[in-house]
Amino acid sequence: MLSEIPIETVPENEVPTGRGRPGPSLPTWLLESISASAQKGAWLSAKFETAEQAEELAKLLQYVNRSTRFAYHVATRRDETAEGHRVLFKAEHDMGESNG
């Protein structure tokens, strides 16, 4: 028989959603940037040395669009410059979702 164990409350952003594999865990700094973009209505930019790093950020932003956990729609653009790779994004509040 299972002995008594401590049970604690966890933040909603740590709970896997849906069935099957849980989605990726988004870093707090990224969620804050998405929120700031939506509030200001501004495009933001992140620069990377490698295409793989830019791809990783682009995938996380695409996940935000597909997920019902986040009440944002994020438009993204990728750009390759002489200095490296860049991902631009602009978030908007998704009025169809009540989570967030």
C-alpha atoms as a PDB file:
ATOM      1  CA  MET A   1       0.000   0.000   0.000  1.00  0.00           C
ATOM      2  CA  LEU A   2       1.182   3.513  -0.790  1.00  0.00           C
ATOM      3  CA  SER A   3       2.189   5.418   2.298  1.00  0.00           C
ATOM      4  CA  GLU A   4       1.204   9.056   2.698  1.00  0.00           C
ATOM      5  CA  ILE A   5       3.306  11.360   0.540  1.00  0.00           C
ATOM      6  CA  PRO A   6       3.397  15.144   0.326  1.00  0.00           C
ATOM      7  CA  ILE A   7       1.208  16.629  -2.416  1.00  0.00           C
ATOM      8  CA  GLU A   8       1.787  20.194  -3.580  1.00  0.00           C
ATOM      9  CA  THR A   9       0.201  22.699  -5.914  1.00  0.00           C
ATOM     10  CA  VAL A  10       2.085  23.390  -9.146  1.00  0.00           C
ATOM     11  CA  PRO A  11       1.831  26.380 -11.469  1.00  0.00           C
ATOM     12  CA  GLU A  12      -0.466  25.819 -14.451  1.00  0.00           C
ATOM     13  CA  ASN A  13       2.410  26.363 -16.895  1.00  0.00           C
ATOM     14  CA  GLU A  14       4.123  23.210 -15.560  1.00  0.00           C
ATOM     15  CA  VAL A  15       1.172  20.934 -16.283  1.00  0.00           C
ATOM     16  CA  PRO A  16       1.340  18.963 -19.551  1.00  0.00           C
ATOM     17  CA  THR A  17      -1.642  19.602 -21.790  1.00  0.00           C
ATOM     18  CA  GLY A  18      -3.679  17.243 -23.895  1.00  0.00           C
ATOM     19  CA  ARG A  19      -3.008  13.576 -24.394  1.00  0.00           C
ATOM     20  CA  GLY A  20       0.191  11.904 -25.422  1.00  0.00           C
ATOM     21  CA  ARG A  21       3.446  13.776 -25.318  1.00  0.00           C
ATOM     22  CA  PRO A  22       3.400  17.088 -23.502  1.00  0.00           C
ATOM     23  CA  GLY A  23       4.468  20.102 -25.509  1.00  0.00           C
ATOM     24  CA  PRO A  24       7.749  21.867 -24.936  1.00  0.00           C
ATOM     25  CA  SER A  25       8.242  23.905 -21.814  1.00  0.00           C
ATOM     26  CA  LEU A  26       8.514  27.568 -22.731  1.00  0.00           C
ATOM     27  CA  PRO A  27      11.080  29.625 -20.842  1.00  0.00           C
ATOM     28  CA  THR A  28       9.743  32.475 -18.730  1.00  0.00           C
ATOM     29  CA  TRP A  29      11.782  35.053 -20.673  1.00  0.00           C
ATOM     30  CA  LEU A  30      10.117  33.953 -23.929  1.00  0.00           C
ATOM     31  CA  LEU A  31       6.610  34.152 -22.475  1.00  0.00           C
ATOM     32  CA  GLU A  32       7.420  37.623 -21.148  1.00  0.00           C
ATOM     33  CA  SER A  33       8.671  38.708 -24.582  1.00  0.00           C
ATOM     34  CA  ILE A  34       5.538  37.357 -26.291  1.00  0.00           C
ATOM     35  CA  SER A  35       3.349  39.176 -23.786  1.00  0.00           C
ATOM     36  CA  ALA A  36       5.317  42.422 -24.236  1.00  0.00           C
ATOM     37  CA  SER A  37       4.994  42.173 -28.012  1.00  0.00           C
ATOM     38  CA  ALA A  38       1.230  41.702 -27.739  1.00  0.00           C
ATOM     39  CA  GLN A  39       0.837  44.599 -25.316  1.00  0.00           C
ATOM     40  CA  LYS A  40       2.922  47.003 -27.411  1.00  0.00           C
ATOM     41  CA  GLY A  41       1.828  45.711 -30.814  1.00  0.00           C
ATOM     42  CA  ALA A  42       5.516  45.616 -31.722  1.00  0.00           C
ATOM     43  CA  TRP A  43       7.764  43.282 -33.683  1.00  0.00           C
ATOM     44  CA  LEU A  44      10.645  41.839 -31.659  1.00  0.00           C
ATOM     45  CA  SER A  45      13.875  40.351 -32.962  1.00  0.00           C
ATOM     46  CA  ALA A  46      16.310  37.704 -31.720  1.00  0.00           C
ATOM     47  CA  LYS A  47      19.721  37.163 -33.318  1.00  0.00           C
ATOM     48  CA  PHE A  48      21.592  33.845 -33.398  1.00  0.00           C
ATOM     49  CA  GLU A  49      24.935  32.627 -34.640  1.00  0.00           C
ATOM     50  CA  THR A  50      23.573  29.360 -36.051  1.00  0.00           C
ATOM     51  CA  ALA A  51      20.537  28.410 -38.084  1.00  0.00           C
ATOM     52  CA  GLU A  52      19.776  25.630 -35.573  1.00  0.00           C
ATOM     53  CA  GLN A  53      19.316  28.135 -32.739  1.00  0.00           C
ATOM     54  CA  ALA A  54      17.011  30.266 -34.893  1.00  0.00           C
ATOM     55  CA  GLU A  55      15.044  27.150 -35.840  1.00  0.00           C
ATOM     56  CA  GLU A  56      14.610  26.216 -32.180  1.00  0.00           C
ATOM     57  CA  LEU A  57      13.066  29.612 -31.369  1.00  0.00           C
ATOM     58  CA  ALA A  58      10.859  29.479 -34.483  1.00  0.00           C
ATOM     59  CA  LYS A  59       9.544  26.065 -33.404  1.00  0.00           C
ATOM     60  CA  LEU A  60       8.692  27.350 -29.919  1.00  0.00           C
ATOM     61  CA  LEU A  61       6.815  30.308 -31.423  1.00  0.00           C
ATOM     62  CA  GLN A  62       4.917  27.955 -33.754  1.00  0.00           C
ATOM     63  CA  TYR A  63       4.002  25.835 -30.731  1.00  0.00           C
ATOM     64  CA  VAL A  64       2.434  28.906 -29.100  1.00  0.00           C
ATOM     65  CA  ASN A  65       0.206  29.261 -32.186  1.00  0.00           C
ATOM     66  CA  ARG A  66      -0.936  25.627 -32.104  1.00  0.00           C
ATOM     67  CA  SER A  67      -1.373  25.338 -28.356  1.00  0.00           C
ATOM     68  CA  THR A  68      -4.573  26.074 -26.469  1.00  0.00           C
ATOM     69  CA  ARG A  69      -2.482  26.894 -23.382  1.00  0.00           C
ATOM     70  CA  PHE A  70      -1.524  30.331 -24.653  1.00  0.00           C
ATOM     71  CA  ALA A  71      -3.919  33.082 -25.723  1.00  0.00           C
ATOM     72  CA  TYR A  72      -1.614  34.479 -28.388  1.00  0.00           C
ATOM     73  CA  HIS A  73      -1.186  34.310 -32.122  1.00  0.00           C
ATOM     74  CA  VAL A  74       2.446  34.876 -33.105  1.00  0.00           C
ATOM     75  CA  ALA A  75       3.530  35.925 -36.587  1.00  0.00           C
ATOM     76  CA  THR A  76       7.144  35.000 -37.341  1.00  0.00           C
ATOM     77  CA  ARG A  77       9.714  35.859 -39.982  1.00  0.00           C
ATOM     78  CA  ARG A  78      13.207  34.456 -40.387  1.00  0.00           C
ATOM     79  CA  ASP A  79      16.082  36.413 -41.865  1.00  0.00           C
ATOM     80  CA  GLU A  80      19.688  35.517 -42.625  1.00  0.00           C
ATOM     81  CA  THR A  81      22.095  38.437 -42.361  1.00  0.00           C
ATOM     82  CA  ALA A  82      25.867  38.871 -42.541  1.00  0.00           C
ATOM     83  CA  GLU A  83      25.921  38.878 -38.724  1.00  0.00           C
ATOM     84  CA  GLY A  84      23.985  35.624 -38.442  1.00  0.00           C
ATOM     85  CA  HIS A  85      20.406  34.435 -38.292  1.00  0.00           C
ATOM     86  CA  ARG A  86      17.480  36.421 -37.020  1.00  0.00           C
ATOM     87  CA  VAL A  87      13.939  35.537 -35.974  1.00  0.00           C
ATOM     88  CA  LEU A  88      11.404  38.353 -35.881  1.00  0.00           C
ATOM     89  CA  PHE A  89       8.042  37.908 -34.212  1.00  0.00           C
ATOM     90  CA  LYS A  90       4.931  39.841 -33.319  1.00  0.00           C
ATOM     91  CA  ALA A  91       2.306  38.524 -30.928  1.00  0.00           C
ATOM     92  CA  GLU A  92      -1.364  39.411 -30.722  1.00  0.00           C
ATOM     93  CA  HIS A  93      -3.877  38.378 -28.109  1.00  0.00           C
ATOM     94  CA  ASP A  94      -6.032  35.570 -29.490  1.00  0.00           C
ATOM     95  CA  MET A  95      -9.535  36.620 -28.497  1.00  0.00           C
ATOM     96  CA  GLY A  96     -10.881  33.135 -29.225  1.00  0.00           C
ATOM     97  CA  GLU A  97      -8.929  31.689 -26.280  1.00  0.00           C
ATOM     98  CA  SER A  98      -9.693  32.338 -22.654  1.00  0.00           C
ATOM     99  CA  ASN A  99      -6.534  30.711 -21.229  1.00  0.00           C
ATOM    100  CA  GLY A 100      -3.333  32.552 -20.775  1.00  0.00           C
END
